[in-house]
Amino acid sequence: SVVIDKENLTRKEREKILRKIPSHYWKVAIIWELSDDELLHRGCSQSQIEEKDVKYERPDTDENFDELVYIFS
């Protein structure tokens, strides 16, 4: 098993990582979606949240993930 822990990745950044993983590996993206209120509560600044809203690209199966798991909180 390989775990890659990253925040607010773009599709292009994930592509660089996924290219290094053999195609026969089962690739699961675990996406933990936090509300803006929860991010503020955890210490993020309003500017970081605004940057996330502009930069973040939600993963999808077109990126060669075999499974997407969403955690909403």
N, C-alpha and C. Protein backbone atom coordinates (compact mmCIF):
# COMPACT_ATOMS: atom_id res chain seq x y z
N SER A 1 0.84 -1.19 0.00
CA SER A 1 0.00 0.00 0.00
C SER A 1 0.88 1.24 0.00
N VAL A 2 0.40 2.25 -0.68
CA VAL A 2 1.06 3.55 -0.73
C VAL A 2 0.03 4.60 -0.36
N VAL A 3 0.39 5.51 0.54
CA VAL A 3 -0.50 6.60 0.92
C VAL A 3 0.20 7.90 0.58
N ILE A 4 -0.49 8.74 -0.17
CA ILE A 4 0.04 10.06 -0.51
C ILE A 4 -0.92 11.07 0.10
N ASP A 5 -0.44 11.83 1.04
CA ASP A 5 -1.27 12.77 1.79
C ASP A 5 -0.94 14.18 1.31
N LYS A 6 -1.87 14.78 0.61
CA LYS A 6 -1.67 16.14 0.09
C LYS A 6 -2.93 16.96 0.30
N GLU A 7 -2.77 18.26 0.31
CA GLU A 7 -3.91 19.17 0.46
C GLU A 7 -4.11 19.98 -0.81
N ASN A 8 -5.36 20.22 -1.13
CA ASN A 8 -5.75 21.14 -2.19
C ASN A 8 -5.00 20.93 -3.50
N LEU A 9 -4.88 19.72 -3.91
CA LEU A 9 -4.17 19.43 -5.15
C LEU A 9 -4.99 19.81 -6.37
N THR A 10 -4.28 20.17 -7.41
CA THR A 10 -4.92 20.37 -8.70
C THR A 10 -4.81 19.07 -9.48
N ARG A 11 -5.58 18.98 -10.52
CA ARG A 11 -5.54 17.79 -11.38
C ARG A 11 -4.12 17.55 -11.93
N LYS A 12 -3.47 18.64 -12.31
CA LYS A 12 -2.11 18.54 -12.87
C LYS A 12 -1.12 18.00 -11.82
N GLU A 13 -1.23 18.46 -10.58
CA GLU A 13 -0.35 17.97 -9.52
C GLU A 13 -0.60 16.50 -9.23
N ARG A 14 -1.87 16.07 -9.24
CA ARG A 14 -2.18 14.66 -9.01
C ARG A 14 -1.67 13.79 -10.15
N GLU A 15 -1.71 14.31 -11.36
CA GLU A 15 -1.23 13.56 -12.52
C GLU A 15 0.24 13.19 -12.36
N LYS A 16 1.05 14.11 -11.87
CA LYS A 16 2.48 13.84 -11.65
C LYS A 16 2.67 12.69 -10.67
N ILE A 17 1.85 12.65 -9.63
CA ILE A 17 1.95 11.59 -8.63
C ILE A 17 1.46 10.27 -9.20
N LEU A 18 0.31 10.29 -9.87
CA LEU A 18 -0.31 9.06 -10.37
C LEU A 18 0.54 8.39 -11.46
N ARG A 19 1.29 9.16 -12.22
CA ARG A 19 2.17 8.59 -13.24
C ARG A 19 3.23 7.67 -12.65
N LYS A 20 3.60 7.89 -11.40
CA LYS A 20 4.63 7.10 -10.74
C LYS A 20 4.09 5.78 -10.18
N ILE A 21 2.78 5.60 -10.18
CA ILE A 21 2.17 4.40 -9.60
C ILE A 21 1.81 3.45 -10.73
N PRO A 22 2.25 2.19 -10.64
CA PRO A 22 1.97 1.22 -11.71
C PRO A 22 0.46 1.10 -11.99
N SER A 23 0.14 0.84 -13.24
CA SER A 23 -1.27 0.80 -13.65
C SER A 23 -2.03 -0.36 -13.02
N HIS A 24 -1.34 -1.42 -12.60
CA HIS A 24 -2.04 -2.55 -12.00
C HIS A 24 -2.38 -2.33 -10.52
N TYR A 25 -1.92 -1.23 -9.92
CA TYR A 25 -2.30 -0.90 -8.55
C TYR A 25 -3.72 -0.35 -8.54
N TRP A 26 -4.48 -0.67 -7.51
CA TRP A 26 -5.83 -0.13 -7.32
C TRP A 26 -5.66 1.24 -6.67
N LYS A 27 -6.12 2.29 -7.33
CA LYS A 27 -5.92 3.66 -6.85
C LYS A 27 -7.24 4.22 -6.31
N VAL A 28 -7.20 4.58 -5.03
CA VAL A 28 -8.37 5.12 -4.35
C VAL A 28 -8.06 6.53 -3.89
N ALA A 29 -8.92 7.47 -4.26
CA ALA A 29 -8.79 8.84 -3.77
C ALA A 29 -9.79 9.00 -2.62
N ILE A 30 -9.28 9.37 -1.47
CA ILE A 30 -10.14 9.65 -0.32
C ILE A 30 -10.18 11.16 -0.18
N ILE A 31 -11.35 11.72 -0.39
CA ILE A 31 -11.52 13.17 -0.41
C ILE A 31 -12.30 13.58 0.83
N TRP A 32 -11.66 14.32 1.69
CA TRP A 32 -12.29 14.77 2.92
C TRP A 32 -12.72 16.21 2.69
N GLU A 33 -14.00 16.41 2.51
CA GLU A 33 -14.57 17.73 2.25
C GLU A 33 -14.98 18.37 3.57
N LEU A 34 -14.35 19.48 3.92
CA LEU A 34 -14.68 20.20 5.14
C LEU A 34 -15.39 21.50 4.77
N SER A 35 -16.37 21.86 5.57
CA SER A 35 -17.08 23.12 5.34
C SER A 35 -16.13 24.28 5.66
N ASP A 36 -16.44 25.44 5.14
CA ASP A 36 -15.62 26.62 5.42
C ASP A 36 -15.61 26.92 6.92
N ASP A 37 -16.76 26.73 7.59
CA ASP A 37 -16.82 26.96 9.04
C ASP A 37 -15.86 26.02 9.78
N GLU A 38 -15.81 24.75 9.35
CA GLU A 38 -14.92 23.79 9.99
C GLU A 38 -13.46 24.16 9.73
N LEU A 39 -13.14 24.61 8.52
CA LEU A 39 -11.78 25.04 8.22
C LEU A 39 -11.38 26.23 9.08
N LEU A 40 -12.28 27.19 9.27
CA LEU A 40 -12.00 28.33 10.15
C LEU A 40 -11.77 27.85 11.58
N HIS A 41 -12.61 26.93 12.02
CA HIS A 41 -12.49 26.38 13.38
C HIS A 41 -11.14 25.67 13.56
N ARG A 42 -10.62 25.05 12.51
CA ARG A 42 -9.35 24.33 12.57
C ARG A 42 -8.14 25.23 12.37
N GLY A 43 -8.37 26.53 12.20
CA GLY A 43 -7.25 27.46 12.15
C GLY A 43 -6.89 28.02 10.79
N CYS A 44 -7.65 27.69 9.76
CA CYS A 44 -7.39 28.27 8.44
C CYS A 44 -7.83 29.72 8.42
N SER A 45 -7.11 30.53 7.69
CA SER A 45 -7.50 31.93 7.55
C SER A 45 -8.53 32.06 6.42
N GLN A 46 -9.23 33.18 6.41
CA GLN A 46 -10.21 33.42 5.36
C GLN A 46 -9.53 33.46 4.00
N SER A 47 -8.31 33.99 3.92
CA SER A 47 -7.60 34.04 2.64
C SER A 47 -7.23 32.64 2.15
N GLN A 48 -6.89 31.73 3.06
CA GLN A 48 -6.60 30.34 2.66
C GLN A 48 -7.85 29.66 2.11
N ILE A 49 -8.98 29.95 2.72
CA ILE A 49 -10.25 29.36 2.25
C ILE A 49 -10.60 29.91 0.88
N GLU A 50 -10.40 31.19 0.68
CA GLU A 50 -10.67 31.80 -0.63
C GLU A 50 -9.73 31.23 -1.69
N GLU A 51 -8.47 31.00 -1.34
CA GLU A 51 -7.51 30.40 -2.27
C GLU A 51 -7.94 28.98 -2.63
N LYS A 52 -8.40 28.22 -1.64
CA LYS A 52 -8.89 26.86 -1.88
C LYS A 52 -10.06 26.88 -2.86
N ASP A 53 -10.96 27.83 -2.68
CA ASP A 53 -12.13 27.92 -3.57
C ASP A 53 -11.72 28.17 -5.01
N VAL A 54 -10.61 28.86 -5.23
CA VAL A 54 -10.13 29.16 -6.58
C VAL A 54 -9.28 28.02 -7.14
N LYS A 55 -8.39 27.45 -6.31
CA LYS A 55 -7.39 26.50 -6.79
C LYS A 55 -7.84 25.04 -6.79
N TYR A 56 -8.61 24.63 -5.80
CA TYR A 56 -8.93 23.21 -5.61
C TYR A 56 -9.74 22.64 -6.76
N GLU A 57 -9.30 21.50 -7.26
CA GLU A 57 -10.02 20.77 -8.30
C GLU A 57 -10.35 19.39 -7.73
N ARG A 58 -11.62 19.12 -7.55
CA ARG A 58 -12.06 17.85 -6.97
C ARG A 58 -11.64 16.69 -7.88
N PRO A 59 -11.07 15.63 -7.31
CA PRO A 59 -10.67 14.46 -8.11
C PRO A 59 -11.87 13.80 -8.79
N ASP A 60 -11.62 13.16 -9.93
CA ASP A 60 -12.67 12.40 -10.59
C ASP A 60 -12.08 11.16 -11.25
N THR A 61 -12.95 10.27 -11.71
CA THR A 61 -12.49 8.99 -12.27
C THR A 61 -11.73 9.15 -13.58
N ASP A 62 -11.86 10.28 -14.26
CA ASP A 62 -11.10 10.52 -15.48
C ASP A 62 -9.60 10.62 -15.23
N GLU A 63 -9.21 10.69 -13.97
CA GLU A 63 -7.80 10.82 -13.61
C GLU A 63 -7.16 9.47 -13.32
N ASN A 64 -7.80 8.40 -13.70
CA ASN A 64 -7.30 7.04 -13.48
C ASN A 64 -7.39 6.57 -12.04
N PHE A 65 -8.30 7.16 -11.27
CA PHE A 65 -8.62 6.60 -9.96
C PHE A 65 -9.61 5.47 -10.19
N ASP A 66 -9.43 4.39 -9.46
CA ASP A 66 -10.36 3.27 -9.55
C ASP A 66 -11.57 3.46 -8.64
N GLU A 67 -11.39 4.28 -7.64
CA GLU A 67 -12.47 4.49 -6.66
C GLU A 67 -12.31 5.86 -6.04
N LEU A 68 -13.43 6.53 -5.78
CA LEU A 68 -13.44 7.81 -5.08
C LEU A 68 -14.27 7.64 -3.81
N VAL A 69 -13.72 8.04 -2.69
CA VAL A 69 -14.42 7.95 -1.42
C VAL A 69 -14.50 9.37 -0.85
N TYR A 70 -15.72 9.82 -0.58
CA TYR A 70 -15.91 11.17 -0.06
C TYR A 70 -16.30 11.11 1.41
N ILE A 71 -15.67 11.97 2.19
CA ILE A 71 -16.01 12.14 3.60
C ILE A 71 -16.43 13.60 3.75
N PHE A 72 -17.66 13.83 4.14
CA PHE A 72 -18.15 15.19 4.32
C PHE A 72 -18.28 15.50 5.79
N SER A 73 -17.79 16.68 6.18
CA SER A 73 -17.93 17.07 7.58
C SER A 73 -17.99 18.57 7.68
